């Protein structure tokens, strides 16, 4: 029986809690903003895939420092948003230290957005197996402990970090994949998870900040100022494709970009646009993952001397909105 610690249980973590419990795991969750609501009422999941269900974690704590010293965890799955260390957020490695300092056999799973998010954790905990996960799961926490999950999409792409990690680390990835599959999800264990991260970046780094800044869904944005809206999104996608080609990321090419851009085009044609996570965060006054998704990309672009004028402009604007929200100047 696997024992799992879930860190940061919002919408994604709540769904994964349900899946892991369905697979027979004993799950402890670390809740922060929704701690009191979950402690009192558990979670309510309204889902096309799982139905309408209510459930509770096996154990709940407010921080990893509250975990029992003798507790054993096979996996520590991080489903919180990916923020760099700053005055607004302690470094993730420091937040996890109370539970990882004495548990070198616990597999760490970064189920988060963005690119280049693994090195800080790998450097801080070199003895722990490290897995990186790319999530496609359109769920939203509409109230503390209440999750709306209106679609059936539930895909976790999983791989070791680095790609050439020991065989035991890949075995740990496969075991987690089996558990998540038993719980009702779909999981793919990949040889190189960075290909999946960069593939998702084609959508995340283009649509997320554009929608957060414009307060439009993807489909609605394409209907606002065509052809300029089309040109902006497609230009950013091509900048990411150029950078991925320069670095040597296979499969992140124009064809992949066109396939992902076509999704938003269809939504524009059918008036069925989707609001991505950054727009949800801005609407609800929450800080969003501008650095992990956009900032890291433009910094890598400068390191490799790849011009990214459109994405750099979007980053500067999104970063300004982030800082204003963090200072409490705007909601």
C-alpha atoms as a PDB file:
ATOM      1  CA  UNK A   1       0.000   0.000   0.000  1.00  0.00           C
ATOM      2  CA  UNK A   2       1.566   3.260  -1.167  1.00  0.00           C
ATOM      3  CA  UNK A   3       1.736   6.238   1.189  1.00  0.00           C
ATOM      4  CA  UNK A   4       1.552   9.612  -0.501  1.00  0.00           C
ATOM      5  CA  UNK A   5       2.033  13.185   0.670  1.00  0.00           C
ATOM      6  CA  UNK A   6       0.263  15.742  -1.548  1.00  0.00           C
ATOM      7  CA  UNK A   7       1.639  19.275  -1.258  1.00  0.00           C
ATOM      8  CA  UNK A   8      -0.652  22.138  -2.277  1.00  0.00           C
ATOM      9  CA  UNK A   9      -4.099  20.646  -2.710  1.00  0.00           C
ATOM     10  CA  UNK A  10      -6.180  22.951  -4.858  1.00  0.00           C
ATOM     11  CA  UNK A  11      -8.085  21.762  -7.912  1.00  0.00           C
ATOM     12  CA  UNK A  12      -5.458  19.395  -9.362  1.00  0.00           C
ATOM     13  CA  UNK A  13      -4.382  18.058  -5.988  1.00  0.00           C
ATOM     14  CA  UNK A  14      -7.986  17.409  -4.987  1.00  0.00           C
ATOM     15  CA  UNK A  15      -8.620  15.317  -8.092  1.00  0.00           C
ATOM     16  CA  UNK A  16      -5.361  13.427  -7.578  1.00  0.00           C
ATOM     17  CA  UNK A  17      -6.315  12.787  -3.955  1.00  0.00           C
ATOM     18  CA  UNK A  18      -9.497  11.095  -5.174  1.00  0.00           C
ATOM     19  CA  UNK A  19      -7.621   9.026  -7.762  1.00  0.00           C
ATOM     20  CA  UNK A  20      -4.944   7.899  -5.318  1.00  0.00           C
ATOM     21  CA  UNK A  21      -7.496   6.904  -2.697  1.00  0.00           C
ATOM     22  CA  UNK A  22      -9.425   4.991  -5.353  1.00  0.00           C
ATOM     23  CA  UNK A  23      -6.184   3.090  -6.008  1.00  0.00           C
ATOM     24  CA  UNK A  24      -5.893   2.178  -2.310  1.00  0.00           C
ATOM     25  CA  UNK A  25      -3.223   4.701  -1.298  1.00  0.00           C
ATOM     26  CA  UNK A  26      -2.996   6.295   2.138  1.00  0.00           C
ATOM     27  CA  UNK A  27      -2.860  10.014   1.404  1.00  0.00           C
ATOM     28  CA  UNK A  28      -1.789  12.919   3.604  1.00  0.00           C
ATOM     29  CA  UNK A  29      -2.451  16.368   2.196  1.00  0.00           C
ATOM     30  CA  UNK A  30      -0.825  19.723   2.915  1.00  0.00           C
ATOM     31  CA  UNK A  31      -3.510  22.406   2.622  1.00  0.00           C
ATOM     32  CA  UNK A  32      -2.952  26.101   3.083  1.00  0.00           C
ATOM     33  CA  UNK A  33      -5.623  28.589   2.006  1.00  0.00           C
ATOM     34  CA  UNK A  34      -8.388  25.949   2.054  1.00  0.00           C
ATOM     35  CA  UNK A  35      -7.231  24.161   5.219  1.00  0.00           C
ATOM     36  CA  UNK A  36     -10.193  24.983   7.473  1.00  0.00           C
ATOM     37  CA  UNK A  37     -12.827  24.232   4.824  1.00  0.00           C
ATOM     38  CA  UNK A  38     -11.277  20.881   3.952  1.00  0.00           C
ATOM     39  CA  UNK A  39     -10.693  19.965   7.592  1.00  0.00           C
ATOM     40  CA  UNK A  40     -14.372  20.547   8.330  1.00  0.00           C
ATOM     41  CA  UNK A  41     -16.073  19.363   5.139  1.00  0.00           C
ATOM     42  CA  UNK A  42     -13.565  17.472   3.017  1.00  0.00           C
ATOM     43  CA  UNK A  43     -13.787  17.867  -0.757  1.00  0.00           C
ATOM     44  CA  UNK A  44     -16.756  17.990  -3.087  1.00  0.00           C
ATOM     45  CA  UNK A  45     -15.917  17.030  -6.656  1.00  0.00           C
ATOM     46  CA  UNK A  46     -18.422  17.710  -9.425  1.00  0.00           C
ATOM     47  CA  UNK A  47     -16.995  15.823 -12.355  1.00  0.00           C
ATOM     48  CA  UNK A  48     -17.921  14.523 -15.777  1.00  0.00           C
ATOM     49  CA  UNK A  49     -15.313  11.784 -15.392  1.00  0.00           C
ATOM     50  CA  UNK A  50     -15.852  10.696 -11.774  1.00  0.00           C
ATOM     51  CA  UNK A  51     -19.379  11.856 -11.084  1.00  0.00           C
ATOM     52  CA  UNK A  52     -20.370  13.944  -8.079  1.00  0.00           C
ATOM     53  CA  UNK A  53     -18.474  12.699  -5.041  1.00  0.00           C
ATOM     54  CA  UNK A  54     -17.512  13.847  -1.554  1.00  0.00           C
ATOM     55  CA  UNK A  55     -14.411  12.534   0.181  1.00  0.00           C
ATOM     56  CA  UNK A  56     -11.779  13.292   2.808  1.00  0.00           C
ATOM     57  CA  UNK A  57      -8.029  12.808   2.950  1.00  0.00           C
ATOM     58  CA  UNK A  58      -6.654  10.181   5.308  1.00  0.00           C
ATOM     59  CA  UNK A  59      -4.650  12.902   7.051  1.00  0.00           C
ATOM     60  CA  UNK A  60      -4.488  16.676   6.692  1.00  0.00           C
ATOM     61  CA  UNK A  61      -1.806  19.123   7.832  1.00  0.00           C
ATOM     62  CA  UNK A  62      -1.260  22.830   7.340  1.00  0.00           C
ATOM     63  CA  UNK A  63       2.464  22.545   6.517  1.00  0.00           C
ATOM     64  CA  UNK A  64       5.020  19.803   5.980  1.00  0.00           C
ATOM     65  CA  UNK A  65       6.498  20.712   9.362  1.00  0.00           C
ATOM     66  CA  UNK A  66       3.336  19.252  10.894  1.00  0.00           C
ATOM     67  CA  UNK A  67       3.913  15.807   9.392  1.00  0.00           C
ATOM     68  CA  UNK A  68       4.785  13.150  12.007  1.00  0.00           C
ATOM     69  CA  UNK A  69       8.533  12.617  12.268  1.00  0.00           C
ATOM     70  CA  UNK A  70       8.156   8.852  11.884  1.00  0.00           C
ATOM     71  CA  UNK A  71       5.775   8.959   8.905  1.00  0.00           C
ATOM     72  CA  UNK A  72       6.898   7.114   5.767  1.00  0.00           C
ATOM     73  CA  UNK A  73       6.022   8.507   2.340  1.00  0.00           C
ATOM     74  CA  UNK A  74       6.655   6.662  -0.892  1.00  0.00           C
ATOM     75  CA  UNK A  75       5.804   9.768  -2.905  1.00  0.00           C
ATOM     76  CA  UNK A  76       5.715  13.497  -2.256  1.00  0.00           C
ATOM     77  CA  UNK A  77       3.619  14.947  -5.081  1.00  0.00           C
ATOM     78  CA  UNK A  78       3.807  18.716  -5.503  1.00  0.00           C
ATOM     79  CA  UNK A  79       0.623  20.070  -7.079  1.00  0.00           C
ATOM     80  CA  UNK A  80       0.998  23.662  -5.925  1.00  0.00           C
ATOM     81  CA  UNK A  81       1.628  26.466  -8.376  1.00  0.00           C
ATOM     82  CA  UNK A  82       5.255  26.879  -9.412  1.00  0.00           C
ATOM     83  CA  UNK A  83       6.703  30.074  -7.947  1.00  0.00           C
ATOM     84  CA  UNK A  84      10.390  30.988  -7.645  1.00  0.00           C
ATOM     85  CA  UNK A  85      11.809  32.109  -4.319  1.00  0.00           C
ATOM     86  CA  UNK A  86      10.850  35.719  -3.638  1.00  0.00           C
ATOM     87  CA  UNK A  87       9.567  38.016  -0.945  1.00  0.00           C
ATOM     88  CA  UNK A  88       6.099  36.671  -1.769  1.00  0.00           C
ATOM     89  CA  UNK A  89       6.971  32.958  -1.748  1.00  0.00           C
ATOM     90  CA  UNK A  90       9.617  30.913   0.117  1.00  0.00           C
ATOM     91  CA  UNK A  91      11.652  28.601  -2.091  1.00  0.00           C
ATOM     92  CA  UNK A  92       9.896  25.299  -2.702  1.00  0.00           C
ATOM     93  CA  UNK A  93      13.019  23.390  -1.616  1.00  0.00           C
ATOM     94  CA  UNK A  94      12.906  25.164   1.743  1.00  0.00           C
ATOM     95  CA  UNK A  95       9.193  24.510   2.187  1.00  0.00           C
ATOM     96  CA  UNK A  96       9.747  20.789   1.636  1.00  0.00           C
ATOM     97  CA  UNK A  97      12.859  20.477   3.807  1.00  0.00           C
ATOM     98  CA  UNK A  98      11.105  19.440   7.057  1.00  0.00           C
ATOM     99  CA  UNK A  99       9.778  16.303   5.403  1.00  0.00           C
ATOM    100  CA  UNK A 100      12.585  15.510   2.942  1.00  0.00           C
ATOM    101  CA  UNK A 101      15.672  16.131   5.077  1.00  0.00           C
ATOM    102  CA  UNK A 102      15.349  12.698   6.701  1.00  0.00           C
ATOM    103  CA  UNK A 103      13.591  10.818   3.871  1.00  0.00           C
ATOM    104  CA  UNK A 104      16.076  10.212   1.011  1.00  0.00           C
ATOM    105  CA  UNK A 105      13.964   7.345  -0.351  1.00  0.00           C
ATOM    106  CA  UNK A 106      10.837   9.416  -0.923  1.00  0.00           C
ATOM    107  CA  UNK A 107      10.213  10.008  -4.621  1.00  0.00           C
ATOM    108  CA  UNK A 108       9.548  13.696  -5.358  1.00  0.00           C
ATOM    109  CA  UNK A 109       7.039  14.429  -8.122  1.00  0.00           C
ATOM    110  CA  UNK A 110       6.831  17.955  -9.568  1.00  0.00           C
ATOM    111  CA  UNK A 111       3.323  17.972 -11.064  1.00  0.00           C
ATOM    112  CA  UNK A 112       3.549  21.643 -12.009  1.00  0.00           C
ATOM    113  CA  UNK A 113       3.570  23.988 -14.990  1.00  0.00           C
ATOM    114  CA  UNK A 114       6.570  25.616 -16.611  1.00  0.00           C
ATOM    115  CA  UNK A 115      10.054  24.725 -17.750  1.00  0.00           C
ATOM    116  CA  UNK A 116      13.402  24.562 -15.959  1.00  0.00           C
ATOM    117  CA  UNK A 117      11.653  24.013 -12.611  1.00  0.00           C
ATOM    118  CA  UNK A 118      13.497  20.819 -11.671  1.00  0.00           C
ATOM    119  CA  UNK A 119      17.145  21.898 -11.088  1.00  0.00           C
ATOM    120  CA  UNK A 120      16.537  23.652  -7.752  1.00  0.00           C
ATOM    121  CA  UNK A 121      14.876  20.556  -6.284  1.00  0.00           C
ATOM    122  CA  UNK A 122      17.434  18.188  -7.809  1.00  0.00           C
ATOM    123  CA  UNK A 123      20.274  20.241  -6.316  1.00  0.00           C
ATOM    124  CA  UNK A 124      18.636  20.443  -2.874  1.00  0.00           C
ATOM    125  CA  UNK A 125      17.766  16.719  -2.667  1.00  0.00           C
ATOM    126  CA  UNK A 126      20.242  14.785  -4.837  1.00  0.00           C
ATOM    127  CA  UNK A 127      19.521  11.462  -3.058  1.00  0.00           C
ATOM    128  CA  UNK A 128      15.785  11.483  -3.716  1.00  0.00           C
ATOM    129  CA  UNK A 129      14.353  10.109  -6.955  1.00  0.00           C
ATOM    130  CA  UNK A 130      12.849  13.044  -8.865  1.00  0.00           C
ATOM    131  CA  UNK A 131       9.962  12.793 -11.330  1.00  0.00           C
ATOM    132  CA  UNK A 132       8.578  15.582 -13.470  1.00  0.00           C
ATOM    133  CA  UNK A 133       4.950  15.629 -14.588  1.00  0.00           C
ATOM    134  CA  UNK A 134       2.958  17.500 -17.233  1.00  0.00           C
ATOM    135  CA  UNK A 135      -0.757  17.731 -16.462  1.00  0.00           C
ATOM    136  CA  UNK A 136      -3.792  18.099 -18.694  1.00  0.00           C
ATOM    137  CA  UNK A 137      -6.719  18.260 -16.278  1.00  0.00           C
ATOM    138  CA  UNK A 138      -9.199  21.159 -16.643  1.00  0.00           C
ATOM    139  CA  UNK A 139     -10.456  21.404 -13.074  1.00  0.00           C
ATOM    140  CA  UNK A 140     -11.142  24.566 -11.058  1.00  0.00           C
ATOM    141  CA  UNK A 141     -11.596  25.146  -7.329  1.00  0.00           C
ATOM    142  CA  UNK A 142     -14.691  27.372  -7.322  1.00  0.00           C
ATOM    143  CA  UNK A 143     -14.853  27.588  -3.507  1.00  0.00           C
ATOM    144  CA  UNK A 144     -12.573  26.197  -0.779  1.00  0.00           C
ATOM    145  CA  UNK A 145     -12.769  22.402  -1.128  1.00  0.00           C
ATOM    146  CA  UNK A 146     -15.280  22.537  -4.013  1.00  0.00           C
ATOM    147  CA  UNK A 147     -13.936  21.381  -7.378  1.00  0.00           C
ATOM    148  CA  UNK A 148     -15.606  21.779 -10.775  1.00  0.00           C
ATOM    149  CA  UNK A 149     -14.247  19.342 -13.363  1.00  0.00           C
ATOM    150  CA  UNK A 150     -16.579  19.582 -16.383  1.00  0.00           C
ATOM    151  CA  UNK A 151     -14.522  17.602 -18.924  1.00  0.00           C
ATOM    152  CA  UNK A 152     -13.187  14.053 -19.120  1.00  0.00           C
ATOM    153  CA  UNK A 153      -9.588  14.984 -20.041  1.00  0.00           C
ATOM    154  CA  UNK A 154      -7.247  13.534 -17.390  1.00  0.00           C
ATOM    155  CA  UNK A 155      -3.718  13.009 -18.678  1.00  0.00           C
ATOM    156  CA  UNK A 156      -0.459  12.935 -16.714  1.00  0.00           C
ATOM    157  CA  UNK A 157       2.770  12.725 -18.707  1.00  0.00           C
ATOM    158  CA  UNK A 158       5.511  11.517 -16.390  1.00  0.00           C
ATOM    159  CA  UNK A 159       9.255  11.059 -16.617  1.00  0.00           C
ATOM    160  CA  UNK A 160      12.437  11.019 -14.578  1.00  0.00           C
ATOM    161  CA  UNK A 161      14.697  13.993 -14.036  1.00  0.00           C
ATOM    162  CA  UNK A 162      17.193  13.773 -15.521  1.00  0.00           C
ATOM    163  CA  UNK A 163      16.103  11.565 -18.405  1.00  0.00           C
ATOM    164  CA  UNK A 164      19.061   9.228 -17.817  1.00  0.00           C
ATOM    165  CA  UNK A 165      18.257   8.667 -14.130  1.00  0.00           C
ATOM    166  CA  UNK A 166      18.830   5.195 -12.616  1.00  0.00           C
ATOM    167  CA  UNK A 167      16.458   2.388 -13.530  1.00  0.00           C
ATOM    168  CA  UNK A 168      15.004   2.414 -10.012  1.00  0.00           C
ATOM    169  CA  UNK A 169      13.762   5.957 -10.587  1.00  0.00           C
ATOM    170  CA  UNK A 170      11.959   4.938 -13.764  1.00  0.00           C
ATOM    171  CA  UNK A 171      10.460   2.000 -11.878  1.00  0.00           C
ATOM    172  CA  UNK A 172       9.131   4.484  -9.324  1.00  0.00           C
ATOM    173  CA  UNK A 173       7.583   6.481 -12.184  1.00  0.00           C
ATOM    174  CA  UNK A 174       5.912   3.367 -13.534  1.00  0.00           C
ATOM    175  CA  UNK A 175       4.550   2.425 -10.120  1.00  0.00           C
ATOM    176  CA  UNK A 176       2.988   5.869  -9.718  1.00  0.00           C
ATOM    177  CA  UNK A 177       1.594   5.659 -13.249  1.00  0.00           C
ATOM    178  CA  UNK A 178      -0.026   2.335 -12.396  1.00  0.00           C
ATOM    179  CA  UNK A 179      -1.598   3.786  -9.256  1.00  0.00           C
ATOM    180  CA  UNK A 180      -2.966   6.848 -11.031  1.00  0.00           C
ATOM    181  CA  UNK A 181      -4.351   4.653 -13.786  1.00  0.00           C
ATOM    182  CA  UNK A 182      -6.023   2.374 -11.250  1.00  0.00           C
ATOM    183  CA  UNK A 183      -7.600   5.483  -9.771  1.00  0.00           C
ATOM    184  CA  UNK A 184      -9.227   6.394 -13.069  1.00  0.00           C
ATOM    185  CA  UNK A 185      -6.716   8.609 -14.878  1.00  0.00           C
ATOM    186  CA  UNK A 186      -4.522   8.228 -17.943  1.00  0.00           C
ATOM    187  CA  UNK A 187      -0.740   8.283 -17.546  1.00  0.00           C
ATOM    188  CA  UNK A 188       2.120   8.077 -20.037  1.00  0.00           C
ATOM    189  CA  UNK A 189       5.653   7.385 -18.805  1.00  0.00           C
ATOM    190  CA  UNK A 190       8.018   9.095 -21.236  1.00  0.00           C
ATOM    191  CA  UNK A 191      11.712   8.652 -21.925  1.00  0.00           C
ATOM    192  CA  UNK A 192      12.290  12.431 -21.905  1.00  0.00           C
ATOM    193  CA  UNK A 193       9.686  14.496 -20.059  1.00  0.00           C
ATOM    194  CA  UNK A 194      11.202  17.756 -21.323  1.00  0.00           C
ATOM    195  CA  UNK A 195       9.696  17.127 -24.759  1.00  0.00           C
ATOM    196  CA  UNK A 196       6.262  17.086 -23.116  1.00  0.00           C
ATOM    197  CA  UNK A 197       7.046  20.192 -21.058  1.00  0.00           C
ATOM    198  CA  UNK A 198       8.081  22.171 -24.138  1.00  0.00           C
ATOM    199  CA  UNK A 199       5.101  20.892 -26.115  1.00  0.00           C
ATOM    200  CA  UNK A 200       2.707  22.197 -23.463  1.00  0.00           C
ATOM    201  CA  UNK A 201       4.690  25.440 -23.359  1.00  0.00           C
ATOM    202  CA  UNK A 202       3.447  26.191 -26.890  1.00  0.00           C
ATOM    203  CA  UNK A 203       0.010  26.699 -25.328  1.00  0.00           C
ATOM    204  CA  UNK A 204       0.968  27.859 -21.845  1.00  0.00           C
ATOM    205  CA  UNK A 205       3.445  30.596 -22.736  1.00  0.00           C
ATOM    206  CA  UNK A 206       1.238  32.004 -25.480  1.00  0.00           C
ATOM    207  CA  UNK A 207      -2.349  31.767 -24.288  1.00  0.00           C
ATOM    208  CA  UNK A 208      -1.955  31.998 -20.527  1.00  0.00           C
ATOM    209  CA  UNK A 209      -0.412  35.495 -20.308  1.00  0.00           C
ATOM    210  CA  UNK A 210      -2.385  36.848 -23.288  1.00  0.00           C
ATOM    211  CA  UNK A 211      -5.683  35.808 -21.726  1.00  0.00           C
ATOM    212  CA  UNK A 212      -4.653  37.045 -18.277  1.00  0.00           C
ATOM    213  CA  UNK A 213      -3.777  40.471 -19.700  1.00  0.00           C
ATOM    214  CA  UNK A 214      -6.724  40.801 -22.078  1.00  0.00           C
ATOM    215  CA  UNK A 215      -9.309  39.206 -19.740  1.00  0.00           C
ATOM    216  CA  UNK A 216     -10.498  37.196 -22.745  1.00  0.00           C
ATOM    217  CA  UNK A 217     -10.853  33.476 -23.332  1.00  0.00           C
ATOM    218  CA  UNK A 218      -8.636  32.110 -26.115  1.00  0.00           C
ATOM    219  CA  UNK A 219     -11.505  31.998 -28.599  1.00  0.00           C
ATOM    220  CA  UNK A 220     -12.749  35.467 -27.697  1.00  0.00           C
ATOM    221  CA  UNK A 221      -9.270  36.954 -28.058  1.00  0.00           C
ATOM    222  CA  UNK A 222      -9.016  35.724 -31.646  1.00  0.00           C
ATOM    223  CA  UNK A 223     -12.296  37.476 -32.395  1.00  0.00           C
ATOM    224  CA  UNK A 224     -11.223  40.860 -30.993  1.00  0.00           C
ATOM    225  CA  UNK A 225      -8.751  42.373 -33.457  1.00  0.00           C
ATOM    226  CA  UNK A 226      -8.029  39.919 -36.236  1.00  0.00           C
ATOM    227  CA  UNK A 227      -5.540  39.670 -37.884  1.00  0.00           C
ATOM    228  CA  UNK A 228      -3.430  41.257 -35.141  1.00  0.00           C
ATOM    229  CA  UNK A 229      -4.614  38.798 -32.483  1.00  0.00           C
ATOM    230  CA  UNK A 230      -3.786  35.854 -34.737  1.00  0.00           C
ATOM    231  CA  UNK A 231      -0.385  37.312 -35.546  1.00  0.00           C
ATOM    232  CA  UNK A 232       0.510  37.847 -31.886  1.00  0.00           C
ATOM    233  CA  UNK A 233      -0.350  34.312 -30.785  1.00  0.00           C
ATOM    234  CA  UNK A 234       1.206  32.622 -33.797  1.00  0.00           C
ATOM    235  CA  UNK A 235       4.306  34.811 -33.513  1.00  0.00           C
ATOM    236  CA  UNK A 236       4.843  33.730 -29.902  1.00  0.00           C
ATOM    237  CA  UNK A 237       4.367  30.084 -30.835  1.00  0.00           C
ATOM    238  CA  UNK A 238       6.985  30.432 -33.582  1.00  0.00           C
ATOM    239  CA  UNK A 239       9.423  32.062 -31.143  1.00  0.00           C
ATOM    240  CA  UNK A 240       9.073  29.052 -28.833  1.00  0.00           C
ATOM    241  CA  UNK A 241       9.495  26.671 -31.764  1.00  0.00           C
ATOM    242  CA  UNK A 242      12.684  28.473 -32.787  1.00  0.00           C
ATOM    243  CA  UNK A 243      14.080  28.268 -29.267  1.00  0.00           C
ATOM    244  CA  UNK A 244      13.184  24.581 -28.908  1.00  0.00           C
ATOM    245  CA  UNK A 245      14.909  23.837 -32.233  1.00  0.00           C
ATOM    246  CA  UNK A 246      18.029  25.741 -31.122  1.00  0.00           C
ATOM    247  CA  UNK A 247      18.187  23.815 -27.840  1.00  0.00           C
ATOM    248  CA  UNK A 248      17.492  20.489 -29.537  1.00  0.00           C
ATOM    249  CA  UNK A 249      14.014  19.608 -28.218  1.00  0.00           C
ATOM    250  CA  UNK A 250      12.530  17.144 -30.738  1.00  0.00           C
ATOM    251  CA  UNK A 251       8.943  17.360 -31.928  1.00  0.00           C
ATOM    252  CA  UNK A 252       8.382  20.981 -30.905  1.00  0.00           C
ATOM    253  CA  UNK A 253       8.081  22.317 -34.451  1.00  0.00           C
ATOM    254  CA  UNK A 254       5.752  24.320 -36.684  1.00  0.00           C
ATOM    255  CA  UNK A 255       3.474  21.334 -37.181  1.00  0.00           C
ATOM    256  CA  UNK A 256       3.075  20.911 -33.424  1.00  0.00           C
ATOM    257  CA  UNK A 257       2.457  24.633 -33.073  1.00  0.00           C
ATOM    258  CA  UNK A 258      -0.194  24.616 -35.802  1.00  0.00           C
ATOM    259  CA  UNK A 259      -1.985  21.686 -34.154  1.00  0.00           C
ATOM    260  CA  UNK A 260      -2.214  23.531 -30.851  1.00  0.00           C
ATOM    261  CA  UNK A 261      -3.161  26.854 -32.426  1.00  0.00           C
ATOM    262  CA  UNK A 262      -5.955  25.075 -34.306  1.00  0.00           C
ATOM    263  CA  UNK A 263      -7.656  24.271 -30.972  1.00  0.00           C
ATOM    264  CA  UNK A 264      -8.204  27.972 -30.219  1.00  0.00           C
ATOM    265  CA  UNK A 265      -9.225  28.674 -33.806  1.00  0.00           C
ATOM    266  CA  UNK A 266     -11.983  26.056 -33.533  1.00  0.00           C
ATOM    267  CA  UNK A 267     -13.139  27.582 -30.259  1.00  0.00           C
ATOM    268  CA  UNK A 268     -13.301  31.011 -31.896  1.00  0.00           C
ATOM    269  CA  UNK A 269     -15.366  29.608 -34.746  1.00  0.00           C
ATOM    270  CA  UNK A 270     -17.812  27.916 -32.354  1.00  0.00           C
ATOM    271  CA  UNK A 271     -17.852  30.631 -29.648  1.00  0.00           C
ATOM    272  CA  UNK A 272     -16.609  28.075 -27.100  1.00  0.00           C
ATOM    273  CA  UNK A 273     -13.418  29.685 -25.830  1.00  0.00           C
ATOM    274  CA  UNK A 274     -11.621  28.419 -22.728  1.00  0.00           C
ATOM    275  CA  UNK A 275     -10.247  30.557 -19.929  1.00  0.00           C
ATOM    276  CA  UNK A 276      -6.780  29.258 -18.967  1.00  0.00           C
ATOM    277  CA  UNK A 277      -5.429  29.098 -15.445  1.00  0.00           C
ATOM    278  CA  UNK A 278      -3.703  32.502 -15.395  1.00  0.00           C
ATOM    279  CA  UNK A 279      -6.966  34.221 -16.315  1.00  0.00           C
ATOM    280  CA  UNK A 280      -8.778  32.336 -13.527  1.00  0.00           C
ATOM    281  CA  UNK A 281      -6.072  33.493 -11.112  1.00  0.00           C
ATOM    282  CA  UNK A 282      -6.287  37.125 -12.203  1.00  0.00           C
ATOM    283  CA  UNK A 283     -10.083  37.130 -11.944  1.00  0.00           C
ATOM    284  CA  UNK A 284      -9.859  35.758  -8.404  1.00  0.00           C
ATOM    285  CA  UNK A 285      -7.030  38.035  -7.304  1.00  0.00           C
ATOM    286  CA  UNK A 286      -4.470  35.209  -7.010  1.00  0.00           C
ATOM    287  CA  UNK A 287      -0.820  35.406  -8.037  1.00  0.00           C
ATOM    288  CA  UNK A 288      -0.053  33.459 -11.203  1.00  0.00           C
ATOM    289  CA  UNK A 289       2.880  31.466 -12.603  1.00  0.00           C
ATOM    290  CA  UNK A 290       4.420  34.132 -14.797  1.00  0.00           C
ATOM    291  CA  UNK A 291       8.043  33.197 -14.007  1.00  0.00           C
ATOM    292  CA  UNK A 292       7.870  29.408 -14.402  1.00  0.00           C
ATOM    293  CA  UNK A 293       5.970  29.607 -17.675  1.00  0.00           C
ATOM    294  CA  UNK A 294       7.019  32.855 -19.353  1.00  0.00           C
ATOM    295  CA  UNK A 295       9.992  34.283 -17.469  1.00  0.00           C
ATOM    296  CA  UNK A 296      12.041  31.088 -17.639  1.00  0.00           C
ATOM    297  CA  UNK A 297      11.343  30.840 -21.368  1.00  0.00           C
ATOM    298  CA  UNK A 298      12.565  34.334 -22.251  1.00  0.00           C
ATOM    299  CA  UNK A 299      15.628  33.928 -20.033  1.00  0.00           C
ATOM    300  CA  UNK A 300      16.528  30.706 -21.830  1.00  0.00           C
ATOM    301  CA  UNK A 301      15.951  32.551 -25.100  1.00  0.00           C
ATOM    302  CA  UNK A 302      18.485  35.219 -24.137  1.00  0.00           C
ATOM    303  CA  UNK A 303      20.955  32.569 -22.975  1.00  0.00           C
ATOM    304  CA  UNK A 304      20.764  30.906 -26.403  1.00  0.00           C
ATOM    305  CA  UNK A 305      20.665  34.235 -28.310  1.00  0.00           C
ATOM    306  CA  UNK A 306      17.205  33.534 -29.759  1.00  0.00           C
ATOM    307  CA  UNK A 307      15.211  36.751 -30.309  1.00  0.00           C
ATOM    308  CA  UNK A 308      11.775  36.599 -28.639  1.00  0.00           C
ATOM    309  CA  UNK A 309      10.419  40.166 -28.910  1.00  0.00           C
ATOM    310  CA  UNK A 310       6.735  39.230 -28.703  1.00  0.00           C
ATOM    311  CA  UNK A 311       7.102  36.924 -25.721  1.00  0.00           C
ATOM    312  CA  UNK A 312       9.447  39.350 -23.945  1.00  0.00           C
ATOM    313  CA  UNK A 313       6.827  42.095 -24.344  1.00  0.00           C
ATOM    314  CA  UNK A 314       4.073  39.861 -22.976  1.00  0.00           C
ATOM    315  CA  UNK A 315       6.359  38.832 -20.111  1.00  0.00           C
ATOM    316  CA  UNK A 316       7.121  42.444 -19.148  1.00  0.00           C
ATOM    317  CA  UNK A 317       3.398  43.269 -19.060  1.00  0.00           C
ATOM    318  CA  UNK A 318       2.406  40.102 -17.203  1.00  0.00           C
ATOM    319  CA  UNK A 319       5.227  40.589 -14.694  1.00  0.00           C
ATOM    320  CA  UNK A 320       4.018  44.141 -14.037  1.00  0.00           C
ATOM    321  CA  UNK A 321       0.482  42.866 -13.386  1.00  0.00           C
ATOM    322  CA  UNK A 322       1.890  40.183 -11.066  1.00  0.00           C
ATOM    323  CA  UNK A 323       3.884  42.716  -9.035  1.00  0.00           C
ATOM    324  CA  UNK A 324       0.928  45.079  -8.802  1.00  0.00           C
ATOM    325  CA  UNK A 325      -1.284  42.254  -7.555  1.00  0.00           C
ATOM    326  CA  UNK A 326       1.385  41.165  -5.064  1.00  0.00           C
ATOM    327  CA  UNK A 327       1.585  44.713  -3.721  1.00  0.00           C
ATOM    328  CA  UNK A 328      -2.179  44.864  -3.431  1.00  0.00           C
ATOM    329  CA  UNK A 329      -2.497  47.675  -5.955  1.00  0.00           C
ATOM    330  CA  UNK A 330      -4.954  45.826  -8.209  1.00  0.00           C
ATOM    331  CA  UNK A 331      -7.331  42.906  -7.875  1.00  0.00           C
END
